[in-house]
Amino acid sequence: MDLLTVAAGAGVGIVLLAALAVWWRRRTAERRASKRAHDAAQERDPPVEIGETYEFGVTDFSDHHSGERVAVGKVEGFVLFTEDVPDDLTEGDVIRAKVTSFNSGHTSADAIYRGRA
């Protein structure tokens, strides 16, 4: 084996290790930032009130513990799970929903569909 081949192999190994180190640091920093944001959200008062109606975009769908399909969206970063949504509702649709209750810790809320915005 010649010296050039060994040097090239070592160089590739060093580059891969450096890339791995950068990826790991970025991933760790993102996790720390996410944890800080989560902790801050847990300490703030919810930006919604029970009985009030809000407009927001549907970002996702989830299955409620009852088995019902619910629309997921956010108001000022606060997650709302909206029940009684029509079958033709899709991600990106803007809806109106009335907040009915907060979930444990007031970190999200349940709402009832009131129509498209």
N, C-alpha and C. Protein backbone atom coordinates (compact mmCIF):
# COMPACT_ATOMS: atom_id res chain seq x y z
N MET A 1 0.86 -1.15 0.00
CA MET A 1 0.00 0.00 0.00
C MET A 1 0.91 1.23 0.00
N ASP A 2 0.61 2.16 -0.87
CA ASP A 2 1.50 3.32 -0.92
C ASP A 2 1.03 4.40 0.05
N LEU A 3 1.91 5.30 0.34
CA LEU A 3 1.69 6.35 1.32
C LEU A 3 0.54 7.27 0.92
N LEU A 4 0.36 7.53 -0.36
CA LEU A 4 -0.70 8.40 -0.85
C LEU A 4 -2.08 7.80 -0.55
N THR A 5 -2.24 6.50 -0.73
CA THR A 5 -3.51 5.82 -0.45
C THR A 5 -3.83 5.89 1.04
N VAL A 6 -2.85 5.67 1.88
CA VAL A 6 -3.05 5.74 3.33
C VAL A 6 -3.43 7.16 3.75
N ALA A 7 -2.76 8.14 3.19
CA ALA A 7 -3.05 9.54 3.53
C ALA A 7 -4.46 9.92 3.09
N ALA A 8 -4.84 9.47 1.88
CA ALA A 8 -6.19 9.77 1.38
C ALA A 8 -7.24 9.13 2.28
N GLY A 9 -7.02 7.88 2.68
CA GLY A 9 -7.96 7.20 3.58
C GLY A 9 -8.07 7.90 4.91
N ALA A 10 -6.96 8.34 5.45
CA ALA A 10 -6.98 9.06 6.72
C ALA A 10 -7.70 10.39 6.56
N GLY A 11 -7.48 11.06 5.44
CA GLY A 11 -8.15 12.34 5.19
C GLY A 11 -9.66 12.19 5.13
N VAL A 12 -10.11 11.15 4.45
CA VAL A 12 -11.55 10.87 4.36
C VAL A 12 -12.11 10.59 5.76
N GLY A 13 -11.38 9.82 6.53
CA GLY A 13 -11.83 9.52 7.90
C GLY A 13 -11.94 10.76 8.75
N ILE A 14 -10.98 11.67 8.63
CA ILE A 14 -11.01 12.91 9.40
C ILE A 14 -12.19 13.78 8.97
N VAL A 15 -12.43 13.86 7.68
CA VAL A 15 -13.57 14.64 7.16
C VAL A 15 -14.88 14.06 7.68
N LEU A 16 -15.02 12.75 7.66
CA LEU A 16 -16.25 12.11 8.15
C LEU A 16 -16.44 12.36 9.64
N LEU A 17 -15.36 12.25 10.41
CA LEU A 17 -15.46 12.53 11.85
C LEU A 17 -15.84 13.98 12.12
N ALA A 18 -15.26 14.90 11.36
CA ALA A 18 -15.59 16.31 11.52
C ALA A 18 -17.06 16.57 11.18
N ALA A 19 -17.55 15.96 10.10
CA ALA A 19 -18.96 16.11 9.71
C ALA A 19 -19.88 15.54 10.79
N LEU A 20 -19.51 14.41 11.33
CA LEU A 20 -20.29 13.80 12.40
C LEU A 20 -20.32 14.70 13.63
N ALA A 21 -19.20 15.30 13.97
CA ALA A 21 -19.13 16.19 15.13
C ALA A 21 -20.02 17.42 14.92
N VAL A 22 -20.00 17.99 13.74
CA VAL A 22 -20.84 19.16 13.43
C VAL A 22 -22.31 18.78 13.51
N TRP A 23 -22.68 17.64 12.93
CA TRP A 23 -24.06 17.18 12.98
C TRP A 23 -24.51 16.97 14.42
N TRP A 24 -23.68 16.33 15.22
CA TRP A 24 -24.03 16.05 16.61
C TRP A 24 -24.21 17.34 17.40
N ARG A 25 -23.33 18.31 17.23
CA ARG A 25 -23.44 19.59 17.94
C ARG A 25 -24.71 20.32 17.54
N ARG A 26 -25.02 20.32 16.24
CA ARG A 26 -26.23 21.00 15.76
C ARG A 26 -27.47 20.33 16.34
N ARG A 27 -27.48 19.01 16.32
CA ARG A 27 -28.62 18.24 16.86
C ARG A 27 -28.80 18.53 18.35
N THR A 28 -27.71 18.55 19.09
CA THR A 28 -27.76 18.84 20.52
C THR A 28 -28.26 20.26 20.76
N ALA A 29 -27.77 21.22 19.98
CA ALA A 29 -28.21 22.62 20.12
C ALA A 29 -29.70 22.75 19.80
N GLU A 30 -30.17 22.05 18.77
CA GLU A 30 -31.59 22.09 18.42
C GLU A 30 -32.44 21.50 19.54
N ARG A 31 -31.98 20.44 20.15
CA ARG A 31 -32.71 19.83 21.27
C ARG A 31 -32.78 20.79 22.45
N ARG A 32 -31.66 21.46 22.75
CA ARG A 32 -31.66 22.42 23.86
C ARG A 32 -32.63 23.57 23.58
N ALA A 33 -32.61 24.07 22.35
CA ALA A 33 -33.51 25.17 21.98
C ALA A 33 -34.97 24.71 22.07
N SER A 34 -35.24 23.51 21.61
CA SER A 34 -36.60 22.97 21.69
C SER A 34 -37.05 22.82 23.14
N LYS A 35 -36.16 22.34 23.99
CA LYS A 35 -36.48 22.18 25.41
C LYS A 35 -36.75 23.53 26.06
N ARG A 36 -35.94 24.54 25.73
CA ARG A 36 -36.16 25.89 26.28
C ARG A 36 -37.52 26.43 25.84
N ALA A 37 -37.86 26.26 24.56
CA ALA A 37 -39.15 26.72 24.05
C ALA A 37 -40.30 25.99 24.72
N HIS A 38 -40.14 24.69 24.91
CA HIS A 38 -41.17 23.89 25.58
C HIS A 38 -41.37 24.37 27.02
N ASP A 39 -40.27 24.56 27.73
CA ASP A 39 -40.36 25.02 29.12
C ASP A 39 -41.01 26.40 29.21
N ALA A 40 -40.67 27.30 28.30
CA ALA A 40 -41.26 28.64 28.29
C ALA A 40 -42.75 28.56 28.01
N ALA A 41 -43.15 27.68 27.09
CA ALA A 41 -44.57 27.52 26.77
C ALA A 41 -45.35 26.99 27.96
N GLN A 42 -44.72 26.13 28.74
CA GLN A 42 -45.39 25.57 29.91
C GLN A 42 -45.63 26.63 30.98
N GLU A 43 -44.78 27.65 31.00
CA GLU A 43 -44.88 28.69 32.04
C GLU A 43 -45.80 29.83 31.64
N ARG A 44 -46.11 30.00 30.37
CA ARG A 44 -46.93 31.13 29.95
C ARG A 44 -48.41 30.78 30.05
N ASP A 45 -49.22 31.81 30.14
CA ASP A 45 -50.66 31.61 30.13
C ASP A 45 -51.09 31.28 28.70
N PRO A 46 -52.08 30.41 28.54
CA PRO A 46 -52.55 30.08 27.19
C PRO A 46 -53.07 31.34 26.49
N PRO A 47 -52.81 31.47 25.19
CA PRO A 47 -53.27 32.65 24.46
C PRO A 47 -54.72 32.54 23.99
N VAL A 48 -55.42 31.52 24.47
CA VAL A 48 -56.83 31.33 24.13
C VAL A 48 -57.65 31.23 25.42
N GLU A 49 -58.96 31.47 25.27
CA GLU A 49 -59.85 31.38 26.42
C GLU A 49 -60.99 30.43 26.12
N ILE A 50 -61.42 29.71 27.13
CA ILE A 50 -62.56 28.79 26.98
C ILE A 50 -63.79 29.61 26.61
N GLY A 51 -64.53 29.11 25.62
CA GLY A 51 -65.74 29.77 25.16
C GLY A 51 -65.53 30.72 24.00
N GLU A 52 -64.28 31.08 23.72
CA GLU A 52 -63.97 31.98 22.62
C GLU A 52 -63.72 31.20 21.33
N THR A 53 -63.99 31.84 20.20
CA THR A 53 -63.79 31.24 18.89
C THR A 53 -62.57 31.86 18.22
N TYR A 54 -61.74 31.01 17.60
CA TYR A 54 -60.49 31.46 16.97
C TYR A 54 -60.40 30.92 15.55
N GLU A 55 -59.70 31.66 14.69
CA GLU A 55 -59.41 31.20 13.33
C GLU A 55 -57.95 30.76 13.28
N PHE A 56 -57.72 29.64 12.61
CA PHE A 56 -56.35 29.14 12.46
C PHE A 56 -56.31 28.13 11.32
N GLY A 57 -55.10 27.88 10.83
CA GLY A 57 -54.90 26.91 9.76
C GLY A 57 -54.72 25.52 10.31
N VAL A 58 -55.27 24.55 9.61
CA VAL A 58 -55.12 23.14 9.98
C VAL A 58 -53.72 22.69 9.54
N THR A 59 -52.94 22.20 10.49
CA THR A 59 -51.59 21.76 10.18
C THR A 59 -51.47 20.24 10.09
N ASP A 60 -52.44 19.54 10.67
CA ASP A 60 -52.33 18.08 10.75
C ASP A 60 -53.68 17.52 11.18
N PHE A 61 -53.79 16.20 11.13
CA PHE A 61 -54.96 15.51 11.66
C PHE A 61 -54.47 14.43 12.61
N SER A 62 -55.29 14.15 13.61
CA SER A 62 -54.93 13.15 14.61
C SER A 62 -56.19 12.36 14.95
N ASP A 63 -55.99 11.21 15.54
CA ASP A 63 -57.12 10.43 16.03
C ASP A 63 -57.31 10.74 17.50
N HIS A 64 -58.49 11.19 17.84
CA HIS A 64 -58.85 11.49 19.22
C HIS A 64 -58.93 10.17 19.99
N HIS A 65 -58.82 10.24 21.31
CA HIS A 65 -58.91 9.02 22.12
C HIS A 65 -60.24 8.29 21.90
N SER A 66 -61.24 9.02 21.41
CA SER A 66 -62.54 8.40 21.12
C SER A 66 -62.54 7.70 19.76
N GLY A 67 -61.46 7.89 19.00
CA GLY A 67 -61.39 7.31 17.67
C GLY A 67 -61.81 8.28 16.59
N GLU A 68 -62.28 9.44 16.97
CA GLU A 68 -62.73 10.46 16.03
C GLU A 68 -61.54 11.21 15.43
N ARG A 69 -61.64 11.56 14.16
CA ARG A 69 -60.61 12.36 13.49
C ARG A 69 -60.72 13.81 13.97
N VAL A 70 -59.60 14.39 14.40
CA VAL A 70 -59.59 15.78 14.86
C VAL A 70 -58.55 16.56 14.05
N ALA A 71 -58.85 17.83 13.83
CA ALA A 71 -57.92 18.73 13.15
C ALA A 71 -57.01 19.34 14.20
N VAL A 72 -55.73 19.47 13.84
CA VAL A 72 -54.75 20.07 14.73
C VAL A 72 -54.29 21.38 14.10
N GLY A 73 -54.23 22.42 14.93
CA GLY A 73 -53.76 23.72 14.47
C GLY A 73 -53.23 24.50 15.65
N LYS A 74 -52.68 25.69 15.36
CA LYS A 74 -52.09 26.49 16.42
C LYS A 74 -52.59 27.92 16.38
N VAL A 75 -52.77 28.48 17.57
CA VAL A 75 -53.05 29.89 17.76
C VAL A 75 -51.90 30.43 18.59
N GLU A 76 -51.12 31.32 18.00
CA GLU A 76 -49.93 31.88 18.66
C GLU A 76 -49.03 30.77 19.23
N GLY A 77 -48.88 29.71 18.47
CA GLY A 77 -48.03 28.59 18.88
C GLY A 77 -48.68 27.62 19.84
N PHE A 78 -49.90 27.88 20.25
CA PHE A 78 -50.63 27.05 21.20
C PHE A 78 -51.49 26.05 20.42
N VAL A 79 -51.38 24.76 20.73
CA VAL A 79 -52.03 23.71 19.95
C VAL A 79 -53.50 23.56 20.34
N LEU A 80 -54.35 23.51 19.29
CA LEU A 80 -55.78 23.24 19.47
C LEU A 80 -56.13 21.95 18.73
N PHE A 81 -56.85 21.07 19.41
CA PHE A 81 -57.37 19.84 18.82
C PHE A 81 -58.86 20.06 18.58
N THR A 82 -59.27 20.09 17.31
CA THR A 82 -60.64 20.46 16.97
C THR A 82 -61.44 19.26 16.53
N GLU A 83 -62.55 19.04 17.23
CA GLU A 83 -63.44 17.92 16.96
C GLU A 83 -64.56 18.33 16.01
N ASP A 84 -65.30 17.33 15.54
CA ASP A 84 -66.47 17.52 14.67
C ASP A 84 -66.13 18.20 13.35
N VAL A 85 -64.94 17.89 12.80
CA VAL A 85 -64.54 18.49 11.52
C VAL A 85 -65.16 17.72 10.37
N PRO A 86 -65.48 18.41 9.26
CA PRO A 86 -66.05 17.70 8.11
C PRO A 86 -65.00 16.80 7.45
N ASP A 87 -65.48 15.77 6.78
CA ASP A 87 -64.59 14.80 6.13
C ASP A 87 -63.75 15.41 5.01
N ASP A 88 -64.24 16.48 4.36
CA ASP A 88 -63.50 17.06 3.24
C ASP A 88 -62.48 18.11 3.68
N LEU A 89 -62.32 18.33 4.97
CA LEU A 89 -61.34 19.28 5.47
C LEU A 89 -59.93 18.75 5.21
N THR A 90 -59.02 19.60 4.75
CA THR A 90 -57.66 19.18 4.45
C THR A 90 -56.65 20.09 5.14
N GLU A 91 -55.41 19.62 5.21
CA GLU A 91 -54.33 20.43 5.78
C GLU A 91 -54.23 21.72 4.98
N GLY A 92 -54.04 22.83 5.68
CA GLY A 92 -53.95 24.13 5.04
C GLY A 92 -55.25 24.90 5.05
N ASP A 93 -56.38 24.21 5.25
CA ASP A 93 -57.66 24.91 5.34
C ASP A 93 -57.67 25.77 6.59
N VAL A 94 -58.28 26.95 6.48
CA VAL A 94 -58.42 27.84 7.63
C VAL A 94 -59.83 27.66 8.18
N ILE A 95 -59.90 27.40 9.49
CA ILE A 95 -61.19 27.12 10.13
C ILE A 95 -61.41 28.04 11.33
N ARG A 96 -62.65 28.03 11.81
CA ARG A 96 -63.00 28.68 13.07
C ARG A 96 -63.38 27.56 14.04
N ALA A 97 -62.93 27.69 15.29
CA ALA A 97 -63.25 26.68 16.30
C ALA A 97 -63.40 27.35 17.65
N LYS A 98 -64.33 26.82 18.44
CA LYS A 98 -64.61 27.34 19.79
C LYS A 98 -63.90 26.46 20.82
N VAL A 99 -63.09 27.08 21.66
CA VAL A 99 -62.33 26.36 22.68
C VAL A 99 -63.30 25.88 23.76
N THR A 100 -63.21 24.58 24.08
CA THR A 100 -64.12 24.00 25.08
C THR A 100 -63.43 23.60 26.38
N SER A 101 -62.14 23.26 26.31
CA SER A 101 -61.43 22.86 27.53
C SER A 101 -59.93 22.87 27.30
N PHE A 102 -59.20 22.96 28.40
CA PHE A 102 -57.75 22.84 28.35
C PHE A 102 -57.37 21.42 28.72
N ASN A 103 -56.29 20.95 28.15
CA ASN A 103 -55.75 19.65 28.52
C ASN A 103 -54.85 19.79 29.74
N SER A 104 -54.41 18.71 30.29
CA SER A 104 -53.58 18.70 31.49
C SER A 104 -52.40 19.67 31.36
N GLY A 105 -52.25 20.51 32.35
CA GLY A 105 -51.14 21.46 32.36
C GLY A 105 -51.38 22.68 31.49
N HIS A 106 -52.55 22.80 30.89
CA HIS A 106 -52.88 23.92 30.01
C HIS A 106 -51.86 24.07 28.87
N THR A 107 -51.36 22.95 28.36
CA THR A 107 -50.38 23.00 27.27
C THR A 107 -51.02 22.88 25.90
N SER A 108 -52.30 22.55 25.85
CA SER A 108 -53.07 22.48 24.61
C SER A 108 -54.54 22.56 25.01
N ALA A 109 -55.41 22.65 24.00
CA ALA A 109 -56.84 22.77 24.29
C ALA A 109 -57.65 21.98 23.27
N ASP A 110 -58.86 21.63 23.68
CA ASP A 110 -59.82 20.99 22.79
C ASP A 110 -60.79 22.07 22.31
N ALA A 111 -61.27 21.90 21.09
CA ALA A 111 -62.20 22.87 20.50
C ALA A 111 -63.21 22.13 19.64
N ILE A 112 -64.30 22.83 19.31
CA ILE A 112 -65.35 22.29 18.45
C ILE A 112 -65.37 23.13 17.17
N TYR A 113 -65.42 22.45 16.05
CA TYR A 113 -65.44 23.08 14.74
C TYR A 113 -66.67 23.99 14.61
N ARG A 114 -66.47 25.22 14.09
CA ARG A 114 -67.55 26.16 13.89
C ARG A 114 -67.67 26.61 12.46
N GLY A 115 -66.80 26.14 11.59
CA GLY A 115 -66.92 26.48 10.17
C GLY A 115 -65.59 26.87 9.57
N ARG A 116 -65.63 27.05 8.26
CA ARG A 116 -64.43 27.49 7.55
C ARG A 116 -64.35 29.01 7.64
N ALA A 117 -63.15 29.50 7.63
CA ALA A 117 -62.95 30.96 7.72
C ALA A 117 -62.99 31.57 6.33
